[in-house]
Amino acid sequence: MNKKITGLCRFFIIFGLAFIILYPVIYMFSCSFRDSIDMNDPSVMWIPKHFTLDVIAETAEVMELPETLLNTFLINIGCSVVQVMACAVTGYGFARFDFFGKKFLFGIVIMMIIVPPQIISLPLYSNFVHLGLINSKLSMYLPALMGNGIRSGFMIFIFRQFFKGLPKEIEDSAYIDGCGRFRAFLSIMLPNAKSALLTVFLFSVVFYWNDYYISSLFFTDNQTVALMVKNLDSRLSVKLFNSSAVKASPREQIVWLEAGCLISVSPMLIMYTFLQRYFIEGIERSGIVG
């Protein structure tokens, strides 16, 4: 009897948490495929009376989707690959080598996790202004290359934990066979760290995809999906609602805003659907859960 009560309580708790988490997603899907007039119809809750794809098409046009997606992928994938390699080398160094100031430097890595990016963004902005890198993709690539990209401290920590969990005998056998430290890292350690590499890469892709603060600091025009969504309200007012063919109240505008959110999150949802198993495996092997 106690097991049945415990199971029933667990079911309601999980159901309640799932509803809280999924409610915004369900509402987003519902609004993205309904006509704006349905927003003023109190009988419409989840299923639209006037199903339409025009809202998605109009929002994609306002967001200049093909060019925006191209710019986002160039920044996102490029920075993620560079950041993964820089963090892998740094995490391996902290996990395997003893050097002067190691604990102090690792403390700085932990501070990178704790301290908000706004602290260092202004000095970075000043340097990039002097170097003429504003509105240049290098303003995103250079910090990633130096191990100071978005959430780099967290990724260095993941690699450190992962490499510390690998037996040292793997490297010792490589050294006996004549491998140097760098070759042992490339030929032995990286192939054994595929799950960690994929996990950090997924984290990096998500962080860069959703970033709008750093991007808005270094880019004065809307070049990424996150920036387009952030400024979607004003862009709708200029490009869509000023047209005599479209007149919408603030409540009716929600359908275009939700459609923009759906366009933004769809690539990440698709990516996670196909790579979920590898992502969970990497998290477990890195030792940051449990």
C-alpha atoms as a PDB file:
ATOM      1  CA  MET A   1       0.000   0.000   0.000  1.00  0.00           C
ATOM      2  CA  ASN A   2       2.813   2.382   0.908  1.00  0.00           C
ATOM      3  CA  LYS A   3       4.518   1.633  -2.420  1.00  0.00           C
ATOM      4  CA  LYS A   4       1.320   2.491  -4.310  1.00  0.00           C
ATOM      5  CA  ILE A   5       0.944   5.794  -2.435  1.00  0.00           C
ATOM      6  CA  THR A   6       4.620   6.611  -3.018  1.00  0.00           C
ATOM      7  CA  GLY A   7       4.287   5.792  -6.719  1.00  0.00           C
ATOM      8  CA  LEU A   8       1.123   7.890  -7.022  1.00  0.00           C
ATOM      9  CA  CYS A   9       2.794  10.872  -5.336  1.00  0.00           C
ATOM     10  CA  ARG A  10       5.824  10.490  -7.577  1.00  0.00           C
ATOM     11  CA  PHE A  11       3.562  10.429 -10.643  1.00  0.00           C
ATOM     12  CA  PHE A  12       1.794  13.672  -9.688  1.00  0.00           C
ATOM     13  CA  ILE A  13       5.089  15.400  -8.897  1.00  0.00           C
ATOM     14  CA  ILE A  14       6.630  14.368 -12.221  1.00  0.00           C
ATOM     15  CA  PHE A  15       3.418  15.219 -14.103  1.00  0.00           C
ATOM     16  CA  GLY A  16       3.287  18.658 -12.481  1.00  0.00           C
ATOM     17  CA  LEU A  17       6.933  19.399 -13.254  1.00  0.00           C
ATOM     18  CA  ALA A  18       6.511  18.178 -16.836  1.00  0.00           C
ATOM     19  CA  PHE A  19       3.464  20.418 -17.304  1.00  0.00           C
ATOM     20  CA  ILE A  20       5.322  23.463 -15.930  1.00  0.00           C
ATOM     21  CA  ILE A  21       8.241  22.799 -18.264  1.00  0.00           C
ATOM     22  CA  LEU A  22       6.200  21.883 -21.351  1.00  0.00           C
ATOM     23  CA  TYR A  23       3.443  24.503 -21.006  1.00  0.00           C
ATOM     24  CA  PRO A  24       5.451  27.321 -22.670  1.00  0.00           C
ATOM     25  CA  VAL A  25       6.526  24.945 -25.462  1.00  0.00           C
ATOM     26  CA  ILE A  26       2.959  23.785 -26.135  1.00  0.00           C
ATOM     27  CA  TYR A  27       1.718  27.392 -26.076  1.00  0.00           C
ATOM     28  CA  MET A  28       4.494  28.401 -28.486  1.00  0.00           C
ATOM     29  CA  PHE A  29       3.513  25.696 -30.980  1.00  0.00           C
ATOM     30  CA  SER A  30      -0.170  26.542 -30.626  1.00  0.00           C
ATOM     31  CA  CYS A  31       0.317  30.256 -31.295  1.00  0.00           C
ATOM     32  CA  SER A  32       2.788  29.812 -34.150  1.00  0.00           C
ATOM     33  CA  PHE A  33       0.237  28.091 -36.387  1.00  0.00           C
ATOM     34  CA  ARG A  34      -2.872  30.130 -35.649  1.00  0.00           C
ATOM     35  CA  ASP A  35      -4.234  33.274 -37.252  1.00  0.00           C
ATOM     36  CA  SER A  36      -3.860  36.442 -35.194  1.00  0.00           C
ATOM     37  CA  ILE A  37      -7.645  36.829 -34.888  1.00  0.00           C
ATOM     38  CA  ASP A  38      -7.721  33.637 -32.793  1.00  0.00           C
ATOM     39  CA  MET A  39      -5.876  35.522 -30.031  1.00  0.00           C
ATOM     40  CA  ASN A  40      -9.071  37.540 -29.407  1.00  0.00           C
ATOM     41  CA  ASP A  41     -11.298  34.467 -29.400  1.00  0.00           C
ATOM     42  CA  PRO A  42     -11.777  33.232 -25.790  1.00  0.00           C
ATOM     43  CA  SER A  43     -12.926  29.816 -27.042  1.00  0.00           C
ATOM     44  CA  VAL A  44      -9.490  29.113 -28.554  1.00  0.00           C
ATOM     45  CA  MET A  45      -7.178  27.545 -25.986  1.00  0.00           C
ATOM     46  CA  TRP A  46      -4.745  25.134 -27.638  1.00  0.00           C
ATOM     47  CA  ILE A  47      -6.133  24.110 -31.025  1.00  0.00           C
ATOM     48  CA  PRO A  48      -6.388  26.992 -33.548  1.00  0.00           C
ATOM     49  CA  LYS A  49      -9.664  27.601 -35.348  1.00  0.00           C
ATOM     50  CA  HIS A  50      -7.815  29.128 -38.280  1.00  0.00           C
ATOM     51  CA  PHE A  51      -4.716  27.009 -38.898  1.00  0.00           C
ATOM     52  CA  THR A  52      -2.167  28.835 -41.060  1.00  0.00           C
ATOM     53  CA  LEU A  53       1.484  28.774 -42.080  1.00  0.00           C
ATOM     54  CA  ASP A  54       1.441  32.444 -43.070  1.00  0.00           C
ATOM     55  CA  VAL A  55       2.633  33.564 -39.631  1.00  0.00           C
ATOM     56  CA  ILE A  56       5.738  31.367 -39.874  1.00  0.00           C
ATOM     57  CA  ALA A  57       6.430  32.600 -43.407  1.00  0.00           C
ATOM     58  CA  GLU A  58       5.982  36.268 -42.470  1.00  0.00           C
ATOM     59  CA  THR A  59       8.183  35.921 -39.373  1.00  0.00           C
ATOM     60  CA  ALA A  60      10.903  34.175 -41.395  1.00  0.00           C
ATOM     61  CA  GLU A  61      10.799  37.037 -43.898  1.00  0.00           C
ATOM     62  CA  VAL A  62      11.068  39.663 -41.158  1.00  0.00           C
ATOM     63  CA  MET A  63      13.991  37.775 -39.602  1.00  0.00           C
ATOM     64  CA  GLU A  64      15.711  37.532 -43.020  1.00  0.00           C
ATOM     65  CA  LEU A  65      16.053  33.859 -42.196  1.00  0.00           C
ATOM     66  CA  PRO A  66      18.415  32.497 -44.910  1.00  0.00           C
ATOM     67  CA  GLU A  67      21.079  35.158 -44.318  1.00  0.00           C
ATOM     68  CA  THR A  68      20.559  35.090 -40.554  1.00  0.00           C
ATOM     69  CA  LEU A  69      20.889  31.303 -40.365  1.00  0.00           C
ATOM     70  CA  LEU A  70      24.065  31.383 -42.465  1.00  0.00           C
ATOM     71  CA  ASN A  71      25.673  34.014 -40.235  1.00  0.00           C
ATOM     72  CA  THR A  72      24.595  32.165 -37.104  1.00  0.00           C
ATOM     73  CA  PHE A  73      26.004  28.847 -38.297  1.00  0.00           C
ATOM     74  CA  LEU A  74      29.303  30.445 -39.330  1.00  0.00           C
ATOM     75  CA  ILE A  75      29.690  31.957 -35.874  1.00  0.00           C
ATOM     76  CA  ASN A  76      28.149  29.083 -33.944  1.00  0.00           C
ATOM     77  CA  ILE A  77      29.859  26.060 -35.481  1.00  0.00           C
ATOM     78  CA  GLY A  78      33.200  27.791 -36.022  1.00  0.00           C
ATOM     79  CA  CYS A  79      33.430  29.172 -32.489  1.00  0.00           C
ATOM     80  CA  SER A  80      32.248  25.878 -31.006  1.00  0.00           C
ATOM     81  CA  VAL A  81      34.933  23.838 -32.797  1.00  0.00           C
ATOM     82  CA  VAL A  82      37.668  26.300 -31.840  1.00  0.00           C
ATOM     83  CA  GLN A  83      36.446  26.509 -28.259  1.00  0.00           C
ATOM     84  CA  VAL A  84      36.265  22.722 -27.856  1.00  0.00           C
ATOM     85  CA  MET A  85      39.882  22.297 -28.938  1.00  0.00           C
ATOM     86  CA  ALA A  86      41.150  25.150 -26.750  1.00  0.00           C
ATOM     87  CA  CYS A  87      39.256  23.883 -23.703  1.00  0.00           C
ATOM     88  CA  ALA A  88      40.345  20.282 -24.328  1.00  0.00           C
ATOM     89  CA  VAL A  89      44.026  21.264 -24.315  1.00  0.00           C
ATOM     90  CA  THR A  90      43.553  23.420 -21.207  1.00  0.00           C
ATOM     91  CA  GLY A  91      41.552  20.784 -19.332  1.00  0.00           C
ATOM     92  CA  TYR A  92      44.136  18.122 -20.204  1.00  0.00           C
ATOM     93  CA  GLY A  93      46.914  20.333 -18.855  1.00  0.00           C
ATOM     94  CA  PHE A  94      45.112  20.805 -15.541  1.00  0.00           C
ATOM     95  CA  ALA A  95      44.332  17.086 -15.281  1.00  0.00           C
ATOM     96  CA  ARG A  96      47.744  15.631 -16.117  1.00  0.00           C
ATOM     97  CA  PHE A  97      50.559  18.129 -15.464  1.00  0.00           C
ATOM     98  CA  ASP A  98      51.958  19.760 -12.339  1.00  0.00           C
ATOM     99  CA  PHE A  99      53.259  23.289 -12.802  1.00  0.00           C
ATOM    100  CA  PHE A 100      53.816  26.436 -10.795  1.00  0.00           C
ATOM    101  CA  GLY A 101      50.584  28.278  -9.992  1.00  0.00           C
ATOM    102  CA  LYS A 102      48.354  25.383 -11.085  1.00  0.00           C
ATOM    103  CA  LYS A 103      45.894  25.748  -8.192  1.00  0.00           C
ATOM    104  CA  PHE A 104      45.768  29.531  -8.606  1.00  0.00           C
ATOM    105  CA  LEU A 105      45.111  29.272 -12.343  1.00  0.00           C
ATOM    106  CA  PHE A 106      42.460  26.620 -11.828  1.00  0.00           C
ATOM    107  CA  GLY A 107      40.858  28.959  -9.290  1.00  0.00           C
ATOM    108  CA  ILE A 108      40.649  31.529 -12.102  1.00  0.00           C
ATOM    109  CA  VAL A 109      38.896  28.895 -14.246  1.00  0.00           C
ATOM    110  CA  ILE A 110      36.350  28.386 -11.468  1.00  0.00           C
ATOM    111  CA  MET A 111      35.899  32.156 -11.284  1.00  0.00           C
ATOM    112  CA  MET A 112      35.122  32.113 -15.012  1.00  0.00           C
ATOM    113  CA  ILE A 113      32.151  29.898 -14.153  1.00  0.00           C
ATOM    114  CA  ILE A 114      30.979  32.085 -11.278  1.00  0.00           C
ATOM    115  CA  VAL A 115      31.696  35.610 -12.521  1.00  0.00           C
ATOM    116  CA  PRO A 116      29.120  36.898 -15.072  1.00  0.00           C
ATOM    117  CA  PRO A 117      30.443  37.724 -18.561  1.00  0.00           C
ATOM    118  CA  GLN A 118      29.443  41.376 -18.146  1.00  0.00           C
ATOM    119  CA  ILE A 119      32.522  41.863 -15.954  1.00  0.00           C
ATOM    120  CA  ILE A 120      34.982  41.326 -18.816  1.00  0.00           C
ATOM    121  CA  SER A 121      32.790  42.331 -21.755  1.00  0.00           C
ATOM    122  CA  LEU A 122      33.534  46.061 -21.495  1.00  0.00           C
ATOM    123  CA  PRO A 123      37.355  45.631 -21.518  1.00  0.00           C
ATOM    124  CA  LEU A 124      36.974  43.236 -24.448  1.00  0.00           C
ATOM    125  CA  TYR A 125      34.782  45.742 -26.267  1.00  0.00           C
ATOM    126  CA  SER A 126      37.365  48.514 -25.763  1.00  0.00           C
ATOM    127  CA  ASN A 127      40.146  46.304 -27.134  1.00  0.00           C
ATOM    128  CA  PHE A 128      38.104  45.225 -30.145  1.00  0.00           C
ATOM    129  CA  VAL A 129      37.205  48.851 -30.919  1.00  0.00           C
ATOM    130  CA  HIS A 130      40.906  49.736 -31.034  1.00  0.00           C
ATOM    131  CA  LEU A 131      41.608  46.692 -33.219  1.00  0.00           C
ATOM    132  CA  GLY A 132      38.703  47.486 -35.543  1.00  0.00           C
ATOM    133  CA  LEU A 133      37.001  44.133 -34.918  1.00  0.00           C
ATOM    134  CA  ILE A 134      33.487  45.374 -34.185  1.00  0.00           C
ATOM    135  CA  ASN A 135      31.026  43.702 -36.597  1.00  0.00           C
ATOM    136  CA  SER A 136      33.750  41.166 -37.410  1.00  0.00           C
ATOM    137  CA  LYS A 137      33.400  37.439 -36.706  1.00  0.00           C
ATOM    138  CA  LEU A 138      36.906  37.544 -35.249  1.00  0.00           C
ATOM    139  CA  SER A 139      35.424  39.257 -32.185  1.00  0.00           C
ATOM    140  CA  MET A 140      33.759  35.907 -31.433  1.00  0.00           C
ATOM    141  CA  TYR A 141      36.495  33.600 -32.722  1.00  0.00           C
ATOM    142  CA  LEU A 142      39.439  35.116 -30.837  1.00  0.00           C
ATOM    143  CA  PRO A 143      38.043  34.670 -27.286  1.00  0.00           C
ATOM    144  CA  ALA A 144      37.036  31.092 -28.179  1.00  0.00           C
ATOM    145  CA  LEU A 145      40.555  30.401 -29.488  1.00  0.00           C
ATOM    146  CA  MET A 146      42.094  31.751 -26.286  1.00  0.00           C
ATOM    147  CA  GLY A 147      39.863  29.587 -24.078  1.00  0.00           C
ATOM    148  CA  ASN A 148      37.797  32.578 -23.011  1.00  0.00           C
ATOM    149  CA  GLY A 149      34.671  32.049 -25.068  1.00  0.00           C
ATOM    150  CA  ILE A 150      31.117  31.773 -23.794  1.00  0.00           C
ATOM    151  CA  ARG A 151      31.074  29.483 -20.699  1.00  0.00           C
ATOM    152  CA  SER A 152      34.646  28.321 -21.399  1.00  0.00           C
ATOM    153  CA  GLY A 153      35.369  27.855 -17.698  1.00  0.00           C
ATOM    154  CA  PHE A 154      32.597  25.278 -17.433  1.00  0.00           C
ATOM    155  CA  MET A 155      33.921  23.390 -20.448  1.00  0.00           C
ATOM    156  CA  ILE A 156      37.493  23.383 -19.165  1.00  0.00           C
ATOM    157  CA  PHE A 157      36.162  21.924 -15.915  1.00  0.00           C
ATOM    158  CA  ILE A 158      34.341  19.140 -17.805  1.00  0.00           C
ATOM    159  CA  PHE A 159      37.521  18.181 -19.697  1.00  0.00           C
ATOM    160  CA  ARG A 160      39.607  18.266 -16.524  1.00  0.00           C
ATOM    161  CA  GLN A 161      37.205  15.933 -14.761  1.00  0.00           C
ATOM    162  CA  PHE A 162      37.070  13.595 -17.747  1.00  0.00           C
ATOM    163  CA  PHE A 163      40.836  13.351 -18.278  1.00  0.00           C
ATOM    164  CA  LYS A 164      41.407  12.846 -14.550  1.00  0.00           C
ATOM    165  CA  GLY A 165      39.144   9.801 -14.747  1.00  0.00           C
ATOM    166  CA  LEU A 166      41.266   8.126 -17.445  1.00  0.00           C
ATOM    167  CA  PRO A 167      44.065   5.809 -16.237  1.00  0.00           C
ATOM    168  CA  LYS A 168      47.574   7.211 -16.571  1.00  0.00           C
ATOM    169  CA  GLU A 169      48.804   3.854 -17.873  1.00  0.00           C
ATOM    170  CA  ILE A 170      47.316   4.779 -21.259  1.00  0.00           C
ATOM    171  CA  GLU A 171      49.762   7.662 -21.624  1.00  0.00           C
ATOM    172  CA  ASP A 172      52.669   5.757 -20.057  1.00  0.00           C
ATOM    173  CA  SER A 173      52.393   3.060 -22.703  1.00  0.00           C
ATOM    174  CA  ALA A 174      52.407   5.746 -25.392  1.00  0.00           C
ATOM    175  CA  TYR A 175      55.526   7.353 -23.907  1.00  0.00           C
ATOM    176  CA  ILE A 176      57.271   3.960 -23.863  1.00  0.00           C
ATOM    177  CA  ASP A 177      56.469   3.558 -27.575  1.00  0.00           C
ATOM    178  CA  GLY A 178      58.183   6.880 -28.279  1.00  0.00           C
ATOM    179  CA  CYS A 179      55.248   9.295 -28.345  1.00  0.00           C
ATOM    180  CA  GLY A 180      55.791  12.817 -27.106  1.00  0.00           C
ATOM    181  CA  ARG A 181      53.273  14.514 -24.860  1.00  0.00           C
ATOM    182  CA  PHE A 182      51.563  16.356 -27.691  1.00  0.00           C
ATOM    183  CA  ARG A 183      51.358  13.298 -29.922  1.00  0.00           C
ATOM    184  CA  ALA A 184      50.068  11.202 -27.026  1.00  0.00           C
ATOM    185  CA  PHE A 185      47.352  13.781 -26.468  1.00  0.00           C
ATOM    186  CA  LEU A 186      46.307  13.789 -30.135  1.00  0.00           C
ATOM    187  CA  SER A 187      46.659  10.064 -30.826  1.00  0.00           C
ATOM    188  CA  ILE A 188      45.681   8.494 -27.511  1.00  0.00           C
ATOM    189  CA  MET A 189      43.737  10.874 -25.274  1.00  0.00           C
ATOM    190  CA  LEU A 190      41.472  12.632 -27.782  1.00  0.00           C
ATOM    191  CA  PRO A 191      40.151   9.383 -29.344  1.00  0.00           C
ATOM    192  CA  ASN A 192      39.271   8.198 -25.831  1.00  0.00           C
ATOM    193  CA  ALA A 193      37.507  11.494 -25.114  1.00  0.00           C
ATOM    194  CA  LYS A 194      34.938  11.356 -27.923  1.00  0.00           C
ATOM    195  CA  SER A 195      31.980  11.473 -25.538  1.00  0.00           C
ATOM    196  CA  ALA A 196      33.427  14.467 -23.666  1.00  0.00           C
ATOM    197  CA  LEU A 197      34.227  16.234 -26.947  1.00  0.00           C
ATOM    198  CA  LEU A 198      30.672  15.744 -28.185  1.00  0.00           C
ATOM    199  CA  THR A 199      29.180  16.862 -24.871  1.00  0.00           C
ATOM    200  CA  VAL A 200      31.230  20.052 -24.741  1.00  0.00           C
ATOM    201  CA  PHE A 201      30.544  20.708 -28.419  1.00  0.00           C
ATOM    202  CA  LEU A 202      26.790  20.449 -27.820  1.00  0.00           C
ATOM    203  CA  PHE A 203      27.026  22.766 -24.823  1.00  0.00           C
ATOM    204  CA  SER A 204      29.048  25.244 -26.861  1.00  0.00           C
ATOM    205  CA  VAL A 205      26.618  25.146 -29.799  1.00  0.00           C
ATOM    206  CA  VAL A 206      23.664  25.808 -27.491  1.00  0.00           C
ATOM    207  CA  PHE A 207      25.434  28.616 -25.633  1.00  0.00           C
ATOM    208  CA  TYR A 208      26.506  30.391 -28.829  1.00  0.00           C
ATOM    209  CA  TRP A 209      23.126  29.817 -30.480  1.00  0.00           C
ATOM    210  CA  ASN A 210      21.210  31.372 -27.573  1.00  0.00           C
ATOM    211  CA  ASP A 211      23.666  34.192 -26.879  1.00  0.00           C
ATOM    212  CA  TYR A 212      22.465  37.687 -27.524  1.00  0.00           C
ATOM    213  CA  TYR A 213      24.349  39.738 -24.901  1.00  0.00           C
ATOM    214  CA  ILE A 214      27.865  39.192 -26.258  1.00  0.00           C
ATOM    215  CA  SER A 215      26.629  39.281 -29.855  1.00  0.00           C
ATOM    216  CA  SER A 216      24.743  42.548 -29.350  1.00  0.00           C
ATOM    217  CA  LEU A 217      27.911  44.025 -27.837  1.00  0.00           C
ATOM    218  CA  PHE A 218      30.167  43.155 -30.778  1.00  0.00           C
ATOM    219  CA  PHE A 219      27.650  43.447 -33.623  1.00  0.00           C
ATOM    220  CA  THR A 220      25.700  46.637 -34.299  1.00  0.00           C
ATOM    221  CA  ASP A 221      23.388  44.955 -36.809  1.00  0.00           C
ATOM    222  CA  ASN A 222      21.237  41.848 -36.382  1.00  0.00           C
ATOM    223  CA  GLN A 223      23.422  39.012 -37.623  1.00  0.00           C
ATOM    224  CA  THR A 224      22.329  36.045 -35.498  1.00  0.00           C
ATOM    225  CA  VAL A 225      19.084  34.239 -34.751  1.00  0.00           C
ATOM    226  CA  ALA A 226      19.218  35.197 -31.071  1.00  0.00           C
ATOM    227  CA  LEU A 227      19.616  38.884 -31.931  1.00  0.00           C
ATOM    228  CA  MET A 228      16.764  38.682 -34.418  1.00  0.00           C
ATOM    229  CA  VAL A 229      14.469  37.197 -31.769  1.00  0.00           C
ATOM    230  CA  LYS A 230      15.610  39.774 -29.222  1.00  0.00           C
ATOM    231  CA  ASN A 231      14.751  42.625 -31.603  1.00  0.00           C
ATOM    232  CA  LEU A 232      11.807  40.905 -33.292  1.00  0.00           C
ATOM    233  CA  ASP A 233       9.207  43.198 -31.736  1.00  0.00           C
ATOM    234  CA  SER A 234      10.771  46.340 -33.198  1.00  0.00           C
ATOM    235  CA  ARG A 235      11.458  44.667 -36.557  1.00  0.00           C
ATOM    236  CA  LEU A 236       7.837  43.560 -36.809  1.00  0.00           C
ATOM    237  CA  SER A 237       6.710  47.121 -36.156  1.00  0.00           C
ATOM    238  CA  VAL A 238       8.921  48.447 -38.936  1.00  0.00           C
ATOM    239  CA  LYS A 239       8.596  45.751 -41.593  1.00  0.00           C
ATOM    240  CA  LEU A 240       5.152  44.252 -41.042  1.00  0.00           C
ATOM    241  CA  PHE A 241       2.796  46.255 -38.879  1.00  0.00           C
ATOM    242  CA  ASN A 242       3.473  49.577 -40.572  1.00  0.00           C
ATOM    243  CA  SER A 243       2.025  48.047 -43.697  1.00  0.00           C
ATOM    244  CA  SER A 244      -1.565  49.016 -44.428  1.00  0.00           C
ATOM    245  CA  ALA A 245      -2.306  45.356 -45.182  1.00  0.00           C
ATOM    246  CA  VAL A 246      -1.529  44.263 -41.634  1.00  0.00           C
ATOM    247  CA  LYS A 247      -2.975  45.887 -38.533  1.00  0.00           C
ATOM    248  CA  ALA A 248      -2.557  43.980 -35.285  1.00  0.00           C
ATOM    249  CA  SER A 249      -3.117  44.743 -31.634  1.00  0.00           C
ATOM    250  CA  PRO A 250      -0.388  43.943 -29.097  1.00  0.00           C
ATOM    251  CA  ARG A 251      -2.227  40.742 -28.180  1.00  0.00           C
ATOM    252  CA  GLU A 252      -2.450  39.658 -31.800  1.00  0.00           C
ATOM    253  CA  GLN A 253       1.274  40.281 -32.288  1.00  0.00           C
ATOM    254  CA  ILE A 254       2.009  37.380 -29.943  1.00  0.00           C
ATOM    255  CA  VAL A 255       1.583  34.893 -32.804  1.00  0.00           C
ATOM    256  CA  TRP A 256       4.537  36.406 -34.711  1.00  0.00           C
ATOM    257  CA  LEU A 257       6.672  36.589 -31.562  1.00  0.00           C
ATOM    258  CA  GLU A 258       5.950  32.958 -30.714  1.00  0.00           C
ATOM    259  CA  ALA A 259       6.688  31.968 -34.309  1.00  0.00           C
ATOM    260  CA  GLY A 260      10.080  33.677 -33.984  1.00  0.00           C
ATOM    261  CA  CYS A 261      10.774  31.682 -30.820  1.00  0.00           C
ATOM    262  CA  LEU A 262       9.774  28.463 -32.586  1.00  0.00           C
ATOM    263  CA  ILE A 263      12.113  29.199 -35.492  1.00  0.00           C
ATOM    264  CA  SER A 264      14.890  29.906 -32.996  1.00  0.00           C
ATOM    265  CA  VAL A 265      14.584  26.750 -30.881  1.00  0.00           C
ATOM    266  CA  SER A 266      13.758  24.267 -33.671  1.00  0.00           C
ATOM    267  CA  PRO A 267      17.379  23.567 -34.756  1.00  0.00           C
ATOM    268  CA  MET A 268      18.418  22.926 -31.145  1.00  0.00           C
ATOM    269  CA  LEU A 269      15.461  20.612 -30.530  1.00  0.00           C
ATOM    270  CA  ILE A 270      16.253  18.631 -33.678  1.00  0.00           C
ATOM    271  CA  MET A 271      19.939  18.399 -32.768  1.00  0.00           C
ATOM    272  CA  TYR A 272      19.191  17.218 -29.228  1.00  0.00           C
ATOM    273  CA  THR A 273      16.675  14.643 -30.479  1.00  0.00           C
ATOM    274  CA  PHE A 274      19.314  12.863 -32.562  1.00  0.00           C
ATOM    275  CA  LEU A 275      22.272  13.309 -30.180  1.00  0.00           C
ATOM    276  CA  GLN A 276      20.549  12.852 -26.817  1.00  0.00           C
ATOM    277  CA  ARG A 277      22.131   9.458 -26.094  1.00  0.00           C
ATOM    278  CA  TYR A 278      25.679  10.697 -26.673  1.00  0.00           C
ATOM    279  CA  PHE A 279      25.016  13.857 -24.696  1.00  0.00           C
ATOM    280  CA  ILE A 280      23.830  11.946 -21.618  1.00  0.00           C
ATOM    281  CA  GLU A 281      26.727   9.493 -21.888  1.00  0.00           C
ATOM    282  CA  GLY A 282      29.250  12.343 -21.999  1.00  0.00           C
ATOM    283  CA  ILE A 283      27.696  14.027 -18.970  1.00  0.00           C
ATOM    284  CA  GLU A 284      27.872  10.805 -16.963  1.00  0.00           C
ATOM    285  CA  ARG A 285      31.482  10.052 -17.911  1.00  0.00           C
ATOM    286  CA  SER A 286      32.649  13.588 -17.179  1.00  0.00           C
ATOM    287  CA  GLY A 287      31.720  13.150 -13.528  1.00  0.00           C
ATOM    288  CA  ILE A 288      29.662  16.366 -13.157  1.00  0.00           C
ATOM    289  CA  VAL A 289      26.517  14.520 -12.080  1.00  0.00           C
ATOM    290  CA  GLY A 290      25.736  12.080  -9.317  1.00  0.00           C
END
